[in-house]
Amino acid sequence: MSHRGLQTVEIPVSGMMCGNCVRALERKLSTSPGLSPARVDLAGGPAAVVFDAGRTRLPDLLQAIAQLGYTVPQ
């Protein structure tokens, strides 16, 4: 979805085991430039992210996920 430069994506995330994992990932993603607070679902694994495509890119978000040790299935 795109609206005024904002894009919404759901990124599947593997490797989360508990609520601390969810909070760590939400914090990490939410500190990226141009992001609204991220929402992560432990049960299903997707991270719902709304971001300004002019300030950050999807590969940057994927890198932030990898930096925490989680993976995004292909």
N, C-alpha and C. Protein backbone atom coordinates (compact mmCIF):
# COMPACT_ATOMS: atom_id res chain seq x y z
N MET A 1 0.85 -1.17 0.00
CA MET A 1 0.00 0.00 0.00
C MET A 1 0.89 1.23 0.00
N SER A 2 0.51 2.24 -0.72
CA SER A 2 1.29 3.47 -0.77
C SER A 2 0.35 4.65 -0.66
N HIS A 3 0.71 5.63 0.20
CA HIS A 3 -0.12 6.81 0.39
C HIS A 3 0.80 7.94 0.83
N ARG A 4 0.90 8.99 -0.01
CA ARG A 4 1.74 10.14 0.30
C ARG A 4 3.17 9.75 0.64
N GLY A 5 3.75 8.84 -0.11
CA GLY A 5 5.12 8.42 0.13
C GLY A 5 5.26 7.33 1.17
N LEU A 6 4.16 7.00 1.85
CA LEU A 6 4.21 5.95 2.86
C LEU A 6 3.90 4.61 2.22
N GLN A 7 4.63 3.60 2.64
CA GLN A 7 4.37 2.24 2.18
C GLN A 7 4.13 1.36 3.40
N THR A 8 3.26 0.39 3.23
CA THR A 8 2.99 -0.59 4.28
C THR A 8 3.41 -1.96 3.78
N VAL A 9 4.20 -2.66 4.58
CA VAL A 9 4.62 -4.02 4.24
C VAL A 9 4.46 -4.91 5.45
N GLU A 10 4.22 -6.17 5.18
CA GLU A 10 4.26 -7.20 6.22
C GLU A 10 5.44 -8.09 5.89
N ILE A 11 6.39 -8.15 6.82
CA ILE A 11 7.61 -8.91 6.60
C ILE A 11 7.57 -10.15 7.49
N PRO A 12 7.58 -11.34 6.91
CA PRO A 12 7.61 -12.55 7.74
C PRO A 12 8.97 -12.66 8.41
N VAL A 13 8.96 -12.97 9.71
CA VAL A 13 10.21 -13.06 10.48
C VAL A 13 10.27 -14.41 11.17
N SER A 14 11.39 -15.10 11.01
CA SER A 14 11.60 -16.40 11.67
C SER A 14 12.65 -16.25 12.76
N GLY A 15 12.51 -17.05 13.79
CA GLY A 15 13.52 -17.10 14.84
C GLY A 15 13.12 -16.43 16.14
N MET A 16 11.97 -15.80 16.17
CA MET A 16 11.51 -15.18 17.42
C MET A 16 10.95 -16.25 18.33
N MET A 17 11.32 -16.18 19.61
CA MET A 17 10.90 -17.21 20.54
C MET A 17 10.02 -16.70 21.68
N CYS A 18 10.03 -15.37 21.95
CA CYS A 18 9.30 -14.88 23.13
C CYS A 18 8.94 -13.41 22.95
N GLY A 19 8.28 -12.88 23.95
CA GLY A 19 7.88 -11.49 23.94
C GLY A 19 9.06 -10.53 23.90
N ASN A 20 10.18 -10.92 24.50
CA ASN A 20 11.38 -10.06 24.45
C ASN A 20 11.88 -9.93 23.02
N CYS A 21 11.78 -11.01 22.26
CA CYS A 21 12.17 -10.97 20.85
C CYS A 21 11.31 -9.96 20.09
N VAL A 22 10.02 -10.01 20.34
CA VAL A 22 9.07 -9.11 19.69
C VAL A 22 9.41 -7.66 20.03
N ARG A 23 9.60 -7.38 21.32
CA ARG A 23 9.90 -6.01 21.74
C ARG A 23 11.22 -5.51 21.15
N ALA A 24 12.23 -6.37 21.13
CA ALA A 24 13.53 -5.98 20.57
C ALA A 24 13.39 -5.64 19.09
N LEU A 25 12.64 -6.45 18.36
CA LEU A 25 12.46 -6.20 16.92
C LEU A 25 11.63 -4.94 16.69
N GLU A 26 10.58 -4.75 17.46
CA GLU A 26 9.77 -3.54 17.32
C GLU A 26 10.62 -2.29 17.60
N ARG A 27 11.43 -2.34 18.64
CA ARG A 27 12.31 -1.20 18.96
C ARG A 27 13.29 -0.92 17.83
N LYS A 28 13.94 -1.97 17.34
CA LYS A 28 14.95 -1.82 16.28
C LYS A 28 14.32 -1.23 15.02
N LEU A 29 13.20 -1.78 14.59
CA LEU A 29 12.55 -1.29 13.38
C LEU A 29 12.02 0.12 13.56
N SER A 30 11.51 0.42 14.74
CA SER A 30 10.91 1.73 14.98
C SER A 30 11.94 2.85 15.05
N THR A 31 13.22 2.52 15.19
CA THR A 31 14.25 3.55 15.23
C THR A 31 14.78 3.88 13.84
N SER A 32 14.36 3.14 12.84
CA SER A 32 14.78 3.43 11.46
C SER A 32 14.14 4.73 11.01
N PRO A 33 14.85 5.54 10.21
CA PRO A 33 14.29 6.82 9.75
C PRO A 33 13.01 6.63 8.94
N GLY A 34 12.02 7.46 9.23
CA GLY A 34 10.80 7.46 8.44
C GLY A 34 9.82 6.36 8.75
N LEU A 35 10.00 5.66 9.89
CA LEU A 35 9.09 4.57 10.24
C LEU A 35 8.09 4.98 11.30
N SER A 36 6.87 4.50 11.14
CA SER A 36 5.90 4.55 12.21
C SER A 36 6.23 3.38 13.12
N PRO A 37 5.74 3.39 14.35
CA PRO A 37 6.04 2.24 15.22
C PRO A 37 5.67 0.92 14.54
N ALA A 38 6.61 -0.01 14.55
CA ALA A 38 6.39 -1.33 13.94
C ALA A 38 5.57 -2.19 14.89
N ARG A 39 4.81 -3.10 14.31
CA ARG A 39 4.04 -4.07 15.11
C ARG A 39 4.44 -5.45 14.66
N VAL A 40 4.83 -6.28 15.62
CA VAL A 40 5.30 -7.63 15.32
C VAL A 40 4.41 -8.63 16.03
N ASP A 41 4.04 -9.70 15.30
CA ASP A 41 3.19 -10.75 15.85
C ASP A 41 4.03 -11.99 16.11
N LEU A 42 4.18 -12.35 17.37
CA LEU A 42 4.99 -13.52 17.73
C LEU A 42 4.39 -14.80 17.16
N ALA A 43 3.09 -14.95 17.23
CA ALA A 43 2.45 -16.19 16.79
C ALA A 43 2.63 -16.44 15.30
N GLY A 44 2.38 -15.42 14.50
CA GLY A 44 2.47 -15.60 13.05
C GLY A 44 3.79 -15.15 12.47
N GLY A 45 4.48 -14.29 13.21
CA GLY A 45 5.78 -13.85 12.78
C GLY A 45 5.88 -12.63 11.89
N PRO A 46 4.78 -12.11 11.32
CA PRO A 46 5.00 -10.96 10.45
C PRO A 46 5.24 -9.67 11.24
N ALA A 47 6.07 -8.82 10.68
CA ALA A 47 6.26 -7.49 11.21
C ALA A 47 5.52 -6.54 10.28
N ALA A 48 4.55 -5.83 10.80
CA ALA A 48 3.80 -4.85 10.01
C ALA A 48 4.49 -3.51 10.14
N VAL A 49 4.94 -2.98 9.03
CA VAL A 49 5.75 -1.77 9.04
C VAL A 49 5.18 -0.75 8.06
N VAL A 50 5.01 0.48 8.54
CA VAL A 50 4.62 1.61 7.70
C VAL A 50 5.84 2.52 7.67
N PHE A 51 6.33 2.79 6.45
CA PHE A 51 7.54 3.60 6.36
C PHE A 51 7.47 4.58 5.20
N ASP A 52 8.25 5.63 5.32
CA ASP A 52 8.37 6.65 4.28
C ASP A 52 9.46 6.19 3.33
N ALA A 53 9.07 5.81 2.13
CA ALA A 53 10.01 5.28 1.14
C ALA A 53 11.06 6.30 0.72
N GLY A 54 10.83 7.56 1.01
CA GLY A 54 11.81 8.59 0.72
C GLY A 54 12.90 8.67 1.77
N ARG A 55 12.68 8.05 2.93
CA ARG A 55 13.64 8.13 4.02
C ARG A 55 14.31 6.81 4.35
N THR A 56 13.68 5.71 4.00
CA THR A 56 14.27 4.40 4.25
C THR A 56 13.83 3.45 3.15
N ARG A 57 14.55 2.33 3.01
CA ARG A 57 14.23 1.36 1.96
C ARG A 57 13.98 -0.01 2.59
N LEU A 58 13.25 -0.84 1.88
CA LEU A 58 12.96 -2.18 2.37
C LEU A 58 14.24 -2.97 2.70
N PRO A 59 15.28 -2.92 1.86
CA PRO A 59 16.51 -3.65 2.23
C PRO A 59 17.10 -3.19 3.56
N ASP A 60 16.91 -1.92 3.91
CA ASP A 60 17.39 -1.43 5.20
C ASP A 60 16.63 -2.10 6.35
N LEU A 61 15.35 -2.30 6.16
CA LEU A 61 14.54 -2.96 7.18
C LEU A 61 14.95 -4.43 7.32
N LEU A 62 15.19 -5.08 6.20
CA LEU A 62 15.61 -6.48 6.23
C LEU A 62 16.97 -6.61 6.92
N GLN A 63 17.85 -5.65 6.70
CA GLN A 63 19.16 -5.66 7.35
C GLN A 63 19.01 -5.48 8.86
N ALA A 64 18.11 -4.61 9.28
CA ALA A 64 17.87 -4.40 10.72
C ALA A 64 17.38 -5.69 11.38
N ILE A 65 16.53 -6.43 10.68
CA ILE A 65 16.03 -7.71 11.20
C ILE A 65 17.19 -8.69 11.33
N ALA A 66 18.02 -8.77 10.31
CA ALA A 66 19.17 -9.68 10.33
C ALA A 66 20.17 -9.31 11.42
N GLN A 67 20.35 -8.03 11.70
CA GLN A 67 21.28 -7.60 12.74
C GLN A 67 20.88 -8.12 14.11
N LEU A 68 19.60 -8.37 14.31
CA LEU A 68 19.14 -8.93 15.58
C LEU A 68 19.18 -10.45 15.59
N GLY A 69 19.57 -11.05 14.47
CA GLY A 69 19.70 -12.50 14.42
C GLY A 69 18.47 -13.26 13.92
N TYR A 70 17.50 -12.53 13.41
CA TYR A 70 16.29 -13.17 12.88
C TYR A 70 16.42 -13.28 11.37
N THR A 71 15.60 -14.12 10.79
CA THR A 71 15.66 -14.30 9.35
C THR A 71 14.31 -13.98 8.71
N VAL A 72 14.37 -13.64 7.43
CA VAL A 72 13.17 -13.41 6.63
C VAL A 72 13.15 -14.52 5.59
N PRO A 73 12.20 -15.46 5.70
CA PRO A 73 12.13 -16.56 4.72
C PRO A 73 11.95 -16.03 3.31
N GLN A 74 12.56 -16.70 2.37
CA GLN A 74 12.45 -16.31 0.96
C GLN A 74 11.17 -16.79 0.37
